[in-house]
N, C-alpha and C. Protein backbone atom coordinates (compact mmCIF):
# COMPACT_ATOMS: atom_id res chain seq x y z
N ILE A 1 120.02 102.38 110.14
CA ILE A 1 119.48 103.61 109.57
C ILE A 1 120.28 103.97 108.34
N GLN A 2 119.59 104.34 107.26
CA GLN A 2 120.26 104.71 106.03
C GLN A 2 120.59 106.20 106.07
N GLY A 3 121.86 106.53 105.93
CA GLY A 3 122.28 107.92 105.91
C GLY A 3 122.33 108.47 104.50
N GLY A 4 122.43 109.79 104.39
CA GLY A 4 122.51 110.42 103.07
C GLY A 4 122.68 111.91 103.18
N ASP A 5 122.96 112.55 102.05
CA ASP A 5 123.17 113.99 102.02
C ASP A 5 121.90 114.77 101.71
N ALA A 6 120.87 114.09 101.20
CA ALA A 6 119.65 114.78 100.79
C ALA A 6 118.83 115.21 101.99
N VAL A 7 117.94 116.19 101.76
CA VAL A 7 117.03 116.65 102.80
C VAL A 7 116.14 115.49 103.24
N GLY A 8 115.92 115.39 104.55
CA GLY A 8 115.07 114.34 105.09
C GLY A 8 115.82 113.12 105.55
N TYR A 9 117.08 113.00 105.14
CA TYR A 9 117.91 111.88 105.58
C TYR A 9 118.76 112.29 106.77
N TYR A 10 119.19 111.31 107.55
CA TYR A 10 120.16 111.56 108.60
C TYR A 10 121.54 111.66 107.97
N PRO A 11 122.38 112.59 108.41
CA PRO A 11 123.75 112.67 107.87
C PRO A 11 124.44 111.32 107.98
N THR A 12 125.22 111.00 106.97
CA THR A 12 125.83 109.67 106.90
C THR A 12 126.66 109.34 108.13
N ASP A 13 127.46 110.31 108.61
CA ASP A 13 128.31 110.02 109.77
C ASP A 13 127.48 109.77 111.03
N LYS A 14 126.38 110.51 111.17
CA LYS A 14 125.52 110.31 112.34
C LYS A 14 124.80 108.97 112.26
N ALA A 15 124.37 108.60 111.06
CA ALA A 15 123.69 107.32 110.87
C ALA A 15 124.65 106.16 111.16
N ASN A 16 125.89 106.29 110.67
CA ASN A 16 126.87 105.24 110.92
C ASN A 16 127.18 105.09 112.40
N ALA A 17 127.28 106.23 113.11
CA ALA A 17 127.55 106.19 114.54
C ALA A 17 126.41 105.51 115.28
N TYR A 18 125.17 105.81 114.88
CA TYR A 18 124.01 105.18 115.51
C TYR A 18 124.00 103.67 115.24
N ASN A 19 124.23 103.29 113.98
CA ASN A 19 124.21 101.87 113.64
C ASN A 19 125.27 101.10 114.41
N SER A 20 126.44 101.71 114.58
CA SER A 20 127.51 101.06 115.33
C SER A 20 127.13 100.89 116.80
N ALA A 21 126.56 101.97 117.38
CA ALA A 21 126.15 101.92 118.78
C ALA A 21 125.03 100.91 118.99
N TYR A 22 124.10 100.86 118.03
CA TYR A 22 122.98 99.92 118.13
C TYR A 22 123.48 98.48 118.07
N SER A 23 124.41 98.22 117.12
CA SER A 23 124.97 96.88 116.98
C SER A 23 125.71 96.46 118.25
N ASN A 24 126.47 97.39 118.81
CA ASN A 24 127.22 97.08 120.04
C ASN A 24 126.26 96.81 121.21
N ALA A 25 125.22 97.63 121.32
CA ALA A 25 124.25 97.44 122.41
C ALA A 25 123.56 96.09 122.29
N THR A 26 123.23 95.70 121.05
CA THR A 26 122.59 94.40 120.82
C THR A 26 123.51 93.26 121.28
N SER A 27 124.79 93.39 120.94
CA SER A 27 125.76 92.35 121.32
C SER A 27 125.88 92.24 122.84
N VAL A 28 125.89 93.41 123.51
CA VAL A 28 126.02 93.42 124.97
C VAL A 28 124.79 92.78 125.60
N LEU A 29 123.60 93.11 125.06
CA LEU A 29 122.37 92.55 125.63
C LEU A 29 122.30 91.04 125.45
N GLU A 30 122.86 90.55 124.37
CA GLU A 30 122.81 89.11 124.10
C GLU A 30 123.90 88.34 124.84
N SER A 31 124.87 89.10 125.38
CA SER A 31 125.97 88.45 126.07
C SER A 31 125.55 87.94 127.45
N LEU A 32 126.10 86.82 127.82
CA LEU A 32 125.82 86.27 129.15
C LEU A 32 126.93 86.63 130.14
N THR A 33 127.94 87.32 129.64
CA THR A 33 129.09 87.62 130.50
C THR A 33 129.35 89.11 130.65
N ALA A 34 128.47 89.97 130.06
CA ALA A 34 128.69 91.42 130.13
C ALA A 34 128.58 91.90 131.58
N SER A 35 129.40 92.90 131.88
CA SER A 35 129.39 93.48 133.22
C SER A 35 128.41 94.64 133.29
N ASP A 36 128.14 95.10 134.51
CA ASP A 36 127.28 96.28 134.67
C ASP A 36 127.86 97.47 133.92
N GLU A 37 129.17 97.59 133.95
CA GLU A 37 129.83 98.70 133.26
C GLU A 37 129.62 98.60 131.74
N ASP A 38 129.65 97.36 131.21
CA ASP A 38 129.41 97.17 129.78
C ASP A 38 128.01 97.62 129.40
N TYR A 39 127.02 97.25 130.22
CA TYR A 39 125.64 97.66 129.95
C TYR A 39 125.51 99.19 129.99
N THR A 40 126.10 99.80 131.00
CA THR A 40 126.00 101.25 131.17
C THR A 40 126.65 101.98 130.00
N THR A 41 127.83 101.51 129.61
CA THR A 41 128.54 102.15 128.49
C THR A 41 127.76 102.01 127.20
N ALA A 42 127.24 100.82 126.94
CA ALA A 42 126.47 100.59 125.71
C ALA A 42 125.22 101.46 125.68
N TYR A 43 124.55 101.57 126.83
CA TYR A 43 123.34 102.39 126.91
C TYR A 43 123.67 103.86 126.65
N ASN A 44 124.68 104.38 127.30
CA ASN A 44 125.03 105.79 127.15
C ASN A 44 125.47 106.11 125.73
N THR A 45 126.23 105.20 125.12
CA THR A 45 126.69 105.42 123.75
C THR A 45 125.51 105.45 122.78
N LEU A 46 124.58 104.52 122.95
CA LEU A 46 123.41 104.48 122.08
C LEU A 46 122.52 105.69 122.30
N LYS A 47 122.35 106.09 123.55
CA LYS A 47 121.53 107.26 123.86
C LYS A 47 122.13 108.52 123.22
N GLU A 48 123.45 108.67 123.32
CA GLU A 48 124.11 109.84 122.74
C GLU A 48 123.99 109.83 121.22
N ALA A 49 124.17 108.66 120.61
CA ALA A 49 124.07 108.55 119.15
C ALA A 49 122.65 108.87 118.68
N ASN A 50 121.67 108.44 119.45
CA ASN A 50 120.27 108.72 119.10
C ASN A 50 119.95 110.21 119.18
N GLU A 51 120.49 110.87 120.20
CA GLU A 51 120.25 112.29 120.36
C GLU A 51 120.91 113.11 119.25
N GLU A 52 121.94 112.56 118.63
CA GLU A 52 122.64 113.26 117.54
C GLU A 52 121.92 113.11 116.21
N LEU A 53 120.88 112.28 116.17
CA LEU A 53 120.18 112.05 114.90
C LEU A 53 119.22 113.19 114.60
N VAL A 54 119.66 114.12 113.81
CA VAL A 54 118.84 115.24 113.34
C VAL A 54 118.93 115.26 111.82
N ILE A 55 117.80 115.25 111.14
CA ILE A 55 117.81 115.13 109.69
C ILE A 55 118.39 116.37 109.01
N ASN A 56 118.87 116.19 107.79
CA ASN A 56 119.28 117.31 106.96
C ASN A 56 118.06 118.16 106.61
N MET A 57 118.19 119.47 106.80
CA MET A 57 117.08 120.38 106.53
C MET A 57 117.34 121.18 105.25
N PRO A 58 116.29 121.74 104.63
CA PRO A 58 116.49 122.57 103.43
C PRO A 58 117.37 123.78 103.75
N GLU A 59 118.17 124.20 102.78
CA GLU A 59 119.03 125.35 102.96
C GLU A 59 118.38 126.60 102.37
N VAL A 60 118.52 127.71 103.08
CA VAL A 60 117.99 128.98 102.60
C VAL A 60 118.73 129.35 101.31
N GLY A 61 117.97 129.77 100.29
CA GLY A 61 118.57 130.17 99.03
C GLY A 61 118.57 129.07 97.98
N LYS A 62 118.27 127.84 98.38
CA LYS A 62 118.17 126.75 97.42
C LYS A 62 116.70 126.46 97.13
N TYR A 63 116.46 125.79 96.00
CA TYR A 63 115.10 125.49 95.59
C TYR A 63 114.88 123.98 95.51
N TYR A 64 113.63 123.60 95.80
CA TYR A 64 113.31 122.19 95.92
C TYR A 64 111.96 121.88 95.27
N THR A 65 111.81 120.63 94.84
CA THR A 65 110.48 120.12 94.54
C THR A 65 110.01 119.32 95.75
N ILE A 66 108.71 119.33 95.98
CA ILE A 66 108.09 118.57 97.06
C ILE A 66 107.36 117.41 96.39
N VAL A 67 107.88 116.21 96.57
CA VAL A 67 107.45 115.05 95.80
C VAL A 67 106.66 114.09 96.70
N SER A 68 105.47 113.71 96.26
CA SER A 68 104.64 112.80 97.04
C SER A 68 105.27 111.41 97.12
N ALA A 69 105.29 110.85 98.32
CA ALA A 69 105.78 109.49 98.52
C ALA A 69 104.64 108.51 98.72
N CYS A 70 103.40 108.97 98.53
CA CYS A 70 102.23 108.11 98.73
C CYS A 70 102.10 107.13 97.57
N ASP A 71 101.96 105.84 97.88
CA ASP A 71 101.90 104.83 96.83
C ASP A 71 100.48 104.39 96.50
N ASN A 72 99.49 105.16 96.97
CA ASN A 72 98.10 104.84 96.67
C ASN A 72 97.54 105.81 95.64
N ASN A 73 96.64 105.32 94.78
CA ASN A 73 95.91 106.16 93.82
C ASN A 73 96.84 106.98 92.93
N ASN A 74 97.97 106.40 92.56
CA ASN A 74 98.89 107.01 91.59
C ASN A 74 99.43 108.37 92.03
N ARG A 75 99.57 108.56 93.34
CA ARG A 75 100.12 109.83 93.81
C ARG A 75 101.63 109.79 93.98
N ASN A 76 102.21 108.62 93.96
CA ASN A 76 103.64 108.49 94.17
C ASN A 76 104.42 109.22 93.08
N GLY A 77 105.35 110.08 93.47
CA GLY A 77 106.20 110.80 92.52
C GLY A 77 105.61 112.07 91.97
N GLN A 78 104.37 112.40 92.33
CA GLN A 78 103.76 113.62 91.81
C GLN A 78 104.23 114.85 92.61
N LEU A 79 104.29 115.98 91.94
CA LEU A 79 104.87 117.19 92.51
C LEU A 79 103.81 118.13 93.05
N MET A 80 104.07 118.70 94.21
CA MET A 80 103.24 119.76 94.76
C MET A 80 103.52 121.05 93.98
N TYR A 81 102.46 121.76 93.60
CA TYR A 81 102.66 123.01 92.85
C TYR A 81 101.60 124.03 93.23
N ALA A 82 101.80 125.27 92.81
CA ALA A 82 100.87 126.36 93.09
C ALA A 82 100.14 126.75 91.82
N THR A 83 98.84 126.96 91.92
CA THR A 83 98.06 127.45 90.79
C THR A 83 98.18 128.97 90.70
N GLY A 84 97.68 129.53 89.60
CA GLY A 84 97.71 130.97 89.45
C GLY A 84 96.88 131.70 90.48
N GLU A 85 95.95 130.99 91.11
CA GLU A 85 95.10 131.57 92.16
C GLU A 85 95.63 131.23 93.55
N ASN A 86 96.87 130.79 93.62
CA ASN A 86 97.53 130.45 94.89
C ASN A 86 96.92 129.23 95.57
N GLY A 87 96.24 128.39 94.81
CA GLY A 87 95.83 127.11 95.35
C GLY A 87 97.02 126.16 95.37
N MET A 88 96.95 125.13 96.18
CA MET A 88 98.02 124.14 96.26
C MET A 88 97.48 122.79 95.77
N LYS A 89 98.15 122.23 94.75
CA LYS A 89 97.70 120.98 94.17
C LYS A 89 98.91 120.10 93.91
N PHE A 90 98.65 118.91 93.36
CA PHE A 90 99.75 118.03 92.98
C PHE A 90 99.43 117.39 91.64
N ALA A 91 100.46 117.12 90.85
CA ALA A 91 100.27 116.52 89.53
C ALA A 91 101.60 115.96 89.06
N ASN A 92 101.53 115.14 88.03
CA ASN A 92 102.75 114.57 87.46
C ASN A 92 103.13 115.22 86.14
N ASP A 93 102.48 116.33 85.78
CA ASP A 93 102.74 116.97 84.48
C ASP A 93 103.50 118.28 84.64
N LYS A 94 104.25 118.40 85.73
CA LYS A 94 104.97 119.64 85.97
C LYS A 94 106.38 119.63 85.38
N ALA A 95 106.74 118.55 84.68
CA ALA A 95 108.06 118.48 84.07
C ALA A 95 107.90 118.28 82.57
N GLY A 96 108.98 118.47 81.82
CA GLY A 96 108.96 118.25 80.39
C GLY A 96 108.65 116.79 80.07
N THR A 97 108.25 116.54 78.85
CA THR A 97 107.85 115.19 78.48
C THR A 97 109.00 114.19 78.65
N ASP A 98 110.23 114.68 78.57
CA ASP A 98 111.37 113.79 78.78
C ASP A 98 111.89 113.85 80.21
N GLY A 99 111.16 114.58 81.08
CA GLY A 99 111.55 114.66 82.48
C GLY A 99 112.76 115.52 82.75
N SER A 100 113.16 116.33 81.76
CA SER A 100 114.42 117.06 81.89
C SER A 100 114.27 118.45 82.49
N TRP A 101 113.03 118.97 82.57
CA TRP A 101 112.88 120.31 83.12
C TRP A 101 111.64 120.42 83.99
N ILE A 102 111.64 121.46 84.82
CA ILE A 102 110.59 121.65 85.82
C ILE A 102 110.05 123.06 85.70
N ARG A 103 108.76 123.21 85.86
CA ARG A 103 108.12 124.54 85.82
C ARG A 103 108.21 125.20 87.19
N PRO A 104 108.32 126.53 87.20
CA PRO A 104 108.45 127.25 88.48
C PRO A 104 107.28 127.05 89.43
N GLU A 105 106.10 126.72 88.92
CA GLU A 105 104.95 126.48 89.80
C GLU A 105 105.22 125.38 90.82
N ALA A 106 106.12 124.46 90.45
CA ALA A 106 106.41 123.32 91.32
C ALA A 106 107.71 123.49 92.09
N LEU A 107 108.16 124.74 92.20
CA LEU A 107 109.44 125.01 92.87
C LEU A 107 109.19 125.73 94.18
N TRP A 108 109.89 125.28 95.23
CA TRP A 108 109.69 125.83 96.57
C TRP A 108 111.03 126.17 97.22
N THR A 109 110.99 127.16 98.09
CA THR A 109 112.17 127.50 98.87
C THR A 109 111.74 127.71 100.32
N PHE A 110 112.70 127.64 101.22
CA PHE A 110 112.43 127.82 102.64
C PHE A 110 113.22 129.03 103.14
N THR A 111 112.55 129.94 103.81
CA THR A 111 113.18 131.18 104.26
C THR A 111 113.88 130.96 105.59
N GLU A 112 114.63 131.99 106.01
CA GLU A 112 115.33 131.91 107.29
C GLU A 112 114.36 131.72 108.45
N GLU A 113 113.14 132.25 108.30
CA GLU A 113 112.14 132.12 109.37
C GLU A 113 111.52 130.72 109.40
N GLY A 114 111.76 129.94 108.35
CA GLY A 114 111.15 128.62 108.28
C GLY A 114 109.87 128.59 107.47
N TYR A 115 109.57 129.68 106.74
CA TYR A 115 108.40 129.70 105.88
C TYR A 115 108.71 128.94 104.59
N MET A 116 107.66 128.41 103.98
CA MET A 116 107.78 127.67 102.72
C MET A 116 107.13 128.51 101.62
N MET A 117 107.93 128.93 100.63
CA MET A 117 107.48 129.87 99.61
C MET A 117 107.53 129.24 98.22
N ASN A 118 106.52 129.54 97.40
CA ASN A 118 106.50 129.09 96.02
C ASN A 118 107.21 130.10 95.13
N LEU A 119 108.07 129.62 94.24
CA LEU A 119 108.85 130.52 93.39
C LEU A 119 107.98 131.32 92.45
N GLN A 120 106.98 130.68 91.83
CA GLN A 120 106.18 131.35 90.81
C GLN A 120 105.32 132.47 91.39
N THR A 121 104.68 132.23 92.51
CA THR A 121 103.75 133.23 93.07
C THR A 121 104.39 134.13 94.10
N GLY A 122 105.49 133.70 94.71
CA GLY A 122 106.12 134.48 95.77
C GLY A 122 105.33 134.46 97.06
N CYS A 123 104.35 133.56 97.18
CA CYS A 123 103.52 133.49 98.38
C CYS A 123 103.89 132.26 99.21
N HIS A 124 103.40 132.26 100.46
CA HIS A 124 103.83 131.28 101.44
C HIS A 124 102.69 130.36 101.88
N VAL A 125 103.10 129.24 102.47
CA VAL A 125 102.13 128.33 103.07
C VAL A 125 101.60 128.96 104.36
N GLY A 126 100.27 128.96 104.50
CA GLY A 126 99.64 129.53 105.68
C GLY A 126 99.09 128.46 106.60
N THR A 127 98.00 128.78 107.27
CA THR A 127 97.39 127.86 108.25
C THR A 127 96.77 126.65 107.57
N SER A 128 96.97 125.48 108.15
CA SER A 128 96.30 124.27 107.66
C SER A 128 95.14 123.95 108.59
N THR A 129 93.99 123.64 107.98
CA THR A 129 92.80 123.29 108.76
C THR A 129 92.39 121.86 108.43
N TRP A 130 91.61 121.28 109.29
CA TRP A 130 91.20 119.89 109.14
C TRP A 130 90.38 119.72 107.85
N GLY A 131 90.96 119.06 106.86
CA GLY A 131 90.27 118.78 105.61
C GLY A 131 90.17 119.97 104.68
N GLY A 132 90.70 121.14 105.09
CA GLY A 132 90.58 122.34 104.27
C GLY A 132 91.63 122.38 103.17
N ALA A 133 91.20 122.78 101.97
CA ALA A 133 92.13 122.92 100.85
C ALA A 133 93.11 124.06 101.14
N MET A 134 94.37 123.83 100.91
CA MET A 134 95.40 124.81 101.22
C MET A 134 95.49 125.88 100.12
N THR A 135 95.66 127.13 100.56
CA THR A 135 95.97 128.21 99.64
C THR A 135 97.18 128.96 100.19
N LEU A 136 97.97 129.50 99.28
CA LEU A 136 99.15 130.26 99.69
C LEU A 136 98.74 131.68 100.06
N VAL A 137 99.51 132.32 100.93
CA VAL A 137 99.16 133.63 101.45
C VAL A 137 100.33 134.59 101.28
N GLU A 138 100.00 135.89 101.12
CA GLU A 138 101.04 136.91 101.08
C GLU A 138 101.46 137.29 102.49
N ASP A 139 100.51 137.27 103.41
CA ASP A 139 100.78 137.58 104.82
C ASP A 139 100.36 136.39 105.68
N ASP A 140 100.70 136.46 106.96
CA ASP A 140 100.33 135.42 107.91
C ASP A 140 100.89 134.05 107.53
N ALA A 141 102.14 134.03 107.04
CA ALA A 141 102.80 132.76 106.74
C ALA A 141 103.05 131.99 108.03
N LYS A 142 103.07 130.67 107.92
CA LYS A 142 103.32 129.81 109.07
C LYS A 142 104.64 129.07 108.88
N VAL A 143 105.36 128.90 109.98
CA VAL A 143 106.58 128.10 109.93
C VAL A 143 106.18 126.65 109.65
N VAL A 144 106.81 126.05 108.66
CA VAL A 144 106.51 124.67 108.29
C VAL A 144 107.55 123.76 108.93
N SER A 145 107.11 122.97 109.89
CA SER A 145 108.02 122.03 110.53
C SER A 145 108.16 120.79 109.64
N ILE A 146 109.37 120.27 109.60
CA ILE A 146 109.70 119.11 108.77
C ILE A 146 110.06 117.97 109.70
N GLU A 147 109.21 116.96 109.75
CA GLU A 147 109.38 115.89 110.71
C GLU A 147 109.62 114.56 109.99
N PRO A 148 110.72 113.87 110.33
CA PRO A 148 111.02 112.60 109.65
C PRO A 148 110.08 111.50 110.09
N LEU A 149 109.82 110.58 109.18
CA LEU A 149 109.06 109.38 109.54
C LEU A 149 110.04 108.34 110.06
N ALA A 150 109.66 107.66 111.12
CA ALA A 150 110.58 106.79 111.84
C ALA A 150 111.08 105.63 110.98
N THR A 151 110.24 105.11 110.12
CA THR A 151 110.62 103.89 109.39
C THR A 151 110.86 104.12 107.91
N LEU A 152 110.67 105.34 107.41
CA LEU A 152 110.80 105.60 105.98
C LEU A 152 111.87 106.66 105.76
N ASN A 153 113.08 106.23 105.48
CA ASN A 153 114.20 107.16 105.35
C ASN A 153 113.98 108.15 104.21
N GLY A 154 114.20 109.42 104.51
CA GLY A 154 114.07 110.47 103.52
C GLY A 154 112.68 111.02 103.37
N GLN A 155 111.68 110.35 103.92
CA GLN A 155 110.30 110.81 103.82
C GLN A 155 109.93 111.61 105.05
N VAL A 156 109.20 112.71 104.84
CA VAL A 156 108.89 113.62 105.94
C VAL A 156 107.42 114.02 105.93
N LEU A 157 106.96 114.48 107.09
CA LEU A 157 105.68 115.17 107.20
C LEU A 157 105.94 116.67 107.18
N LEU A 158 105.04 117.43 106.56
CA LEU A 158 105.13 118.89 106.52
C LEU A 158 103.96 119.46 107.30
N LYS A 159 104.26 120.19 108.40
CA LYS A 159 103.21 120.66 109.30
C LYS A 159 103.31 122.18 109.46
N PRO A 160 102.43 122.94 108.78
CA PRO A 160 102.43 124.39 108.92
C PRO A 160 101.99 124.82 110.32
N GLY A 161 102.81 125.61 110.98
CA GLY A 161 102.45 126.11 112.29
C GLY A 161 102.26 125.03 113.32
N GLY A 162 102.83 123.87 113.09
CA GLY A 162 102.65 122.75 114.01
C GLY A 162 101.26 122.15 113.97
N GLY A 163 100.46 122.55 112.95
CA GLY A 163 99.08 122.08 112.85
C GLY A 163 98.96 120.81 112.04
N TYR A 164 97.88 120.72 111.27
CA TYR A 164 97.62 119.51 110.49
C TYR A 164 98.63 119.37 109.36
N PRO A 165 99.19 118.17 109.16
CA PRO A 165 100.18 117.97 108.09
C PRO A 165 99.54 118.08 106.71
N LEU A 166 100.37 118.46 105.74
CA LEU A 166 99.90 118.59 104.36
C LEU A 166 99.70 117.20 103.76
N HIS A 167 98.55 117.05 103.07
CA HIS A 167 98.15 115.74 102.55
C HIS A 167 97.71 115.86 101.10
N ALA A 168 98.13 114.90 100.27
CA ALA A 168 97.72 114.86 98.87
C ALA A 168 96.36 114.17 98.78
N GLN A 169 95.32 114.97 98.60
CA GLN A 169 93.95 114.44 98.56
C GLN A 169 93.62 113.96 97.15
N VAL A 170 93.10 112.75 97.05
CA VAL A 170 92.79 112.19 95.73
C VAL A 170 91.77 113.05 95.00
N SER A 171 90.70 113.45 95.68
CA SER A 171 89.64 114.24 95.07
C SER A 171 90.15 115.62 94.70
N GLY A 172 90.17 115.92 93.42
CA GLY A 172 90.56 117.24 92.95
C GLY A 172 92.05 117.49 92.98
N SER A 173 92.85 116.49 93.33
CA SER A 173 94.31 116.63 93.39
C SER A 173 94.72 117.83 94.24
N LYS A 174 94.02 118.04 95.35
CA LYS A 174 94.29 119.18 96.21
C LYS A 174 95.24 118.82 97.35
N ILE A 175 95.92 119.82 97.87
CA ILE A 175 96.70 119.67 99.09
C ILE A 175 95.82 120.18 100.23
N VAL A 176 95.59 119.36 101.24
CA VAL A 176 94.71 119.72 102.34
C VAL A 176 95.42 119.45 103.67
N GLY A 177 94.86 120.00 104.75
CA GLY A 177 95.29 119.63 106.08
C GLY A 177 94.64 118.32 106.47
N TYR A 178 95.41 117.42 107.07
CA TYR A 178 94.88 116.08 107.36
C TYR A 178 94.94 115.82 108.85
N SER A 179 93.86 115.29 109.39
CA SER A 179 93.74 115.16 110.85
C SER A 179 94.51 113.97 111.41
N ASN A 180 94.72 112.93 110.61
CA ASN A 180 95.36 111.72 111.11
C ASN A 180 96.81 111.67 110.62
N GLU A 181 97.75 111.99 111.50
CA GLU A 181 99.15 112.02 111.11
C GLU A 181 99.64 110.66 110.63
N ASN A 182 99.09 109.59 111.17
CA ASN A 182 99.54 108.26 110.80
C ASN A 182 99.21 107.92 109.35
N ASN A 183 98.19 108.59 108.79
CA ASN A 183 97.79 108.31 107.41
C ASN A 183 98.02 109.50 106.48
N ALA A 184 98.61 110.57 106.98
CA ALA A 184 98.87 111.74 106.14
C ALA A 184 99.98 111.43 105.15
N SER A 185 99.96 112.14 104.02
CA SER A 185 100.95 111.90 102.98
C SER A 185 102.36 112.19 103.47
N ALA A 186 103.27 111.33 103.06
CA ALA A 186 104.69 111.59 103.26
C ALA A 186 105.23 112.24 101.99
N TRP A 187 106.30 113.02 102.16
CA TRP A 187 106.88 113.76 101.04
C TRP A 187 108.40 113.61 101.02
N TYR A 188 108.96 113.74 99.82
CA TYR A 188 110.40 113.91 99.66
C TYR A 188 110.65 115.38 99.32
N ILE A 189 111.72 115.94 99.88
CA ILE A 189 112.14 117.30 99.53
C ILE A 189 113.42 117.17 98.71
N VAL A 190 113.31 117.46 97.41
CA VAL A 190 114.38 117.16 96.47
C VAL A 190 114.98 118.45 95.92
N GLU A 191 116.27 118.65 96.14
CA GLU A 191 116.93 119.85 95.63
C GLU A 191 116.93 119.85 94.10
N VAL A 192 116.79 121.06 93.53
CA VAL A 192 116.65 121.20 92.08
C VAL A 192 117.82 122.01 91.52
N ASP A 193 118.34 121.56 90.39
CA ASP A 193 119.32 122.32 89.63
C ASP A 193 118.57 123.43 88.89
N MET A 194 118.87 124.69 89.18
CA MET A 194 118.09 125.79 88.63
C MET A 194 118.18 125.89 87.11
N SER A 195 119.18 125.26 86.52
CA SER A 195 119.28 125.29 85.06
C SER A 195 118.20 124.45 84.40
N THR A 196 117.49 123.64 85.20
CA THR A 196 116.42 122.80 84.64
C THR A 196 115.06 123.48 84.70
N ILE A 197 115.00 124.71 85.20
CA ILE A 197 113.72 125.41 85.33
C ILE A 197 113.37 126.11 84.03
N GLN A 198 112.19 125.86 83.50
CA GLN A 198 111.76 126.48 82.25
C GLN A 198 110.29 126.86 82.32
N HIS A 199 109.92 127.82 81.45
CA HIS A 199 108.53 128.21 81.29
C HIS A 199 108.00 127.64 79.99
N SER A 200 106.73 127.32 79.99
CA SER A 200 106.06 126.88 78.77
C SER A 200 104.95 127.87 78.43
N PHE A 201 105.02 128.48 77.26
CA PHE A 201 103.95 129.39 76.84
C PHE A 201 103.83 129.36 75.32
N THR A 202 102.70 129.84 74.82
CA THR A 202 102.39 129.76 73.40
C THR A 202 102.48 131.13 72.74
N ILE A 203 103.15 131.19 71.60
CA ILE A 203 103.20 132.42 70.80
C ILE A 203 102.06 132.35 69.79
N GLY A 204 101.17 133.35 69.84
CA GLY A 204 99.97 133.35 69.01
C GLY A 204 100.23 133.78 67.58
N GLN A 205 99.14 133.96 66.85
CA GLN A 205 99.23 134.27 65.42
C GLN A 205 99.91 135.62 65.15
N TYR A 206 99.87 136.52 66.15
CA TYR A 206 100.52 137.82 65.97
C TYR A 206 101.96 137.81 66.48
N ARG A 207 102.46 136.64 66.76
CA ARG A 207 103.85 136.44 67.17
C ARG A 207 104.21 137.19 68.44
N HIS A 208 103.25 137.23 69.37
CA HIS A 208 103.47 137.84 70.68
C HIS A 208 103.08 136.86 71.78
N ALA A 209 103.76 136.94 72.90
CA ALA A 209 103.39 136.14 74.07
C ALA A 209 103.70 136.94 75.32
N GLY A 210 102.85 136.84 76.32
CA GLY A 210 103.07 137.54 77.58
C GLY A 210 103.59 136.60 78.64
N LEU A 211 104.51 137.11 79.44
CA LEU A 211 105.07 136.29 80.52
C LEU A 211 105.37 137.20 81.70
N TYR A 212 104.74 136.93 82.85
CA TYR A 212 104.99 137.68 84.07
C TYR A 212 105.73 136.81 85.06
N LEU A 213 106.85 137.31 85.56
CA LEU A 213 107.62 136.59 86.56
C LEU A 213 107.64 137.38 87.85
N ASN A 214 107.40 136.70 88.95
CA ASN A 214 107.32 137.36 90.25
C ASN A 214 108.67 137.35 90.97
N TYR A 215 109.75 137.30 90.20
CA TYR A 215 111.08 137.26 90.78
C TYR A 215 112.09 137.72 89.72
N ALA A 216 113.28 138.06 90.16
CA ALA A 216 114.31 138.56 89.26
C ALA A 216 114.76 137.46 88.30
N THR A 217 115.01 137.84 87.04
CA THR A 217 115.45 136.86 86.05
C THR A 217 116.30 137.56 85.00
N LYS A 218 116.90 136.79 84.12
CA LYS A 218 117.69 137.33 83.01
C LYS A 218 117.06 136.89 81.70
N ILE A 219 117.06 137.80 80.71
CA ILE A 219 116.59 137.43 79.38
C ILE A 219 117.76 136.81 78.62
N PRO A 220 117.60 135.61 78.12
CA PRO A 220 118.71 134.95 77.43
C PRO A 220 119.18 135.75 76.22
N GLU A 221 120.46 135.65 75.93
CA GLU A 221 121.03 136.37 74.79
C GLU A 221 120.34 135.94 73.51
N GLY A 222 120.00 136.92 72.67
CA GLY A 222 119.36 136.62 71.40
C GLY A 222 117.85 136.63 71.45
N VAL A 223 117.27 136.70 72.63
CA VAL A 223 115.81 136.74 72.76
C VAL A 223 115.34 138.18 72.69
N LYS A 224 114.33 138.46 71.87
CA LYS A 224 113.78 139.80 71.74
C LYS A 224 112.28 139.75 72.05
């Protein structure tokens, strides 16, 4: 098992302990001279190491991008984001042309209750229905469970309220609830450096532009 510090990975020390226990158990099973005590010890050590395998979870107060791990139909690496109407979609144009910055629409945080909130709209992921396009809600938020995939390190399923997992649907680039967990989209949860967050807007002919932010911010020095 590959360990790591990022969300969705098993902690390095826990992964190393499991790998060591697994290797030892394999050696004992292949041995023709192992005693009953050797088998029992190897089994108990491996069982304990397996029970200690709990993935790194998002931290409250930090912000993340939710990145598609699906390698079909060019969805790999695309970011989940919120529209101005609180729809949930995915696209690859949420960063600067040089990949150096990210728009708040594609930024997510997880609350103490386990809700998943979009930074730009301040709204949460609600109920997922079979094949239904997801929209964010102000009320009736659902706890989003984060479940690791057994064979894909760092990749997770996102299941609101324990229901249908979130899926990147090719048609319309929508996020929907998907009935088949085995074929639902896997995601990476990637922590973001907040200094890379920027807004893009156009100043018109009268040299004015409007910008509404649904969260506390600072006006940079020199900006009027």
